[in-house]
Amino acid sequence: QQLVGMNAFMYFGPKIFEAIGFDKNQFTTINNFVNFLSTFPAVLLADLAGRRQLMLWSSIGMFVACMLMGTFGTIFVEQ
């Protein structure tokens, strides 16, 4: 979680989304719901595709997500 920035996303996410006009409680609810739902396909894919392939492909997704969060944070959050 620390490697991909999930801890920072969980901590700063409500502040970032509140700064761009969203409700921070709504962000937390949606984020927790997505984390919960993502558990099921992850377990299935780990068994079907293999852990190595899952790790390689998910690292691309994590990179894209981190870049998007960084970009949106830079654009929308006023200092």
Protein backbone atom coordinates (compact mmCIF):
# COMPACT_ATOMS: atom_id res chain seq x y z
CA GLN A 1 0.00 0.00 0.00
CA GLN A 2 2.80 2.41 0.73
CA LEU A 3 4.60 1.62 -2.53
CA VAL A 4 1.64 2.58 -4.72
CA GLY A 5 0.58 5.57 -2.64
CA MET A 6 -2.65 4.11 -1.27
CA ASN A 7 -1.95 5.46 2.22
CA ALA A 8 -1.45 8.96 0.82
CA PHE A 9 -4.57 8.59 -1.32
CA MET A 10 -6.64 7.52 1.70
CA TYR A 11 -5.28 10.40 3.81
CA PHE A 12 -5.25 13.25 1.27
CA GLY A 13 -8.11 12.01 -0.94
CA PRO A 14 -10.92 13.57 1.09
CA LYS A 15 -9.06 16.89 1.23
CA ILE A 16 -8.38 16.86 -2.52
CA PHE A 17 -11.94 15.97 -3.44
CA GLU A 18 -13.35 18.53 -1.00
CA ALA A 19 -11.13 21.18 -2.61
CA ILE A 20 -12.61 20.44 -6.05
CA GLY A 21 -16.17 20.60 -4.76
CA PHE A 22 -17.05 17.02 -3.81
CA ASP A 23 -18.27 15.85 -0.42
CA LYS A 24 -15.40 14.23 1.48
CA ASN A 25 -17.72 11.68 3.13
CA GLN A 26 -19.04 10.67 -0.28
CA PHE A 27 -15.46 10.19 -1.49
CA THR A 28 -14.66 7.98 1.51
CA THR A 29 -17.79 5.89 0.99
CA ILE A 30 -17.12 5.39 -2.72
CA ASN A 31 -13.45 4.62 -2.11
CA ASN A 32 -14.23 2.01 0.55
CA PHE A 33 -16.90 0.44 -1.64
CA VAL A 34 -14.50 0.17 -4.60
CA ASN A 35 -11.82 -1.36 -2.35
CA PHE A 36 -14.33 -3.92 -1.08
CA LEU A 37 -15.56 -4.86 -4.57
CA SER A 38 -12.01 -5.07 -5.94
CA THR A 39 -11.16 -7.83 -3.49
CA PHE A 40 -13.27 -10.44 -5.28
CA PRO A 41 -11.82 -10.17 -8.81
CA ALA A 42 -8.32 -9.92 -7.33
CA VAL A 43 -8.68 -13.25 -5.56
CA LEU A 44 -10.16 -14.86 -8.67
CA LEU A 45 -7.48 -13.46 -10.96
CA ALA A 46 -4.69 -14.53 -8.62
CA ASP A 47 -5.80 -18.12 -9.04
CA LEU A 48 -6.65 -17.98 -12.75
CA ALA A 49 -3.93 -15.82 -14.27
CA GLY A 50 -1.17 -16.41 -11.77
CA ARG A 51 0.32 -14.02 -9.30
CA ARG A 52 3.23 -12.94 -11.50
CA GLN A 53 1.04 -11.89 -14.43
CA LEU A 54 -1.37 -10.17 -12.08
CA MET A 55 1.49 -8.24 -10.48
CA LEU A 56 2.92 -7.14 -13.83
CA TRP A 57 -0.39 -5.92 -15.26
CA SER A 58 -1.63 -4.34 -12.06
CA SER A 59 1.60 -2.34 -11.75
CA ILE A 60 0.67 -0.61 -15.01
CA GLY A 61 -2.77 0.21 -13.61
CA MET A 62 -1.25 1.50 -10.37
CA PHE A 63 1.13 3.73 -12.31
CA VAL A 64 -1.70 5.21 -14.37
CA ALA A 65 -3.86 5.78 -11.27
CA CYS A 66 -1.01 7.50 -9.41
CA MET A 67 -0.27 9.73 -12.38
CA LEU A 68 -3.94 10.71 -12.70
CA MET A 69 -4.23 11.52 -8.99
CA GLY A 70 -1.03 13.56 -9.11
CA THR A 71 -2.16 15.42 -12.20
CA PHE A 72 -5.63 16.19 -10.84
CA GLY A 73 -4.15 17.18 -7.50
CA THR A 74 -1.76 19.58 -9.20
CA ILE A 75 -4.42 21.08 -11.43
CA PHE A 76 -7.34 21.45 -9.04
CA VAL A 77 -5.91 22.03 -5.57
CA GLU A 78 -5.04 25.61 -4.83
CA GLN A 79 -2.08 26.23 -2.59
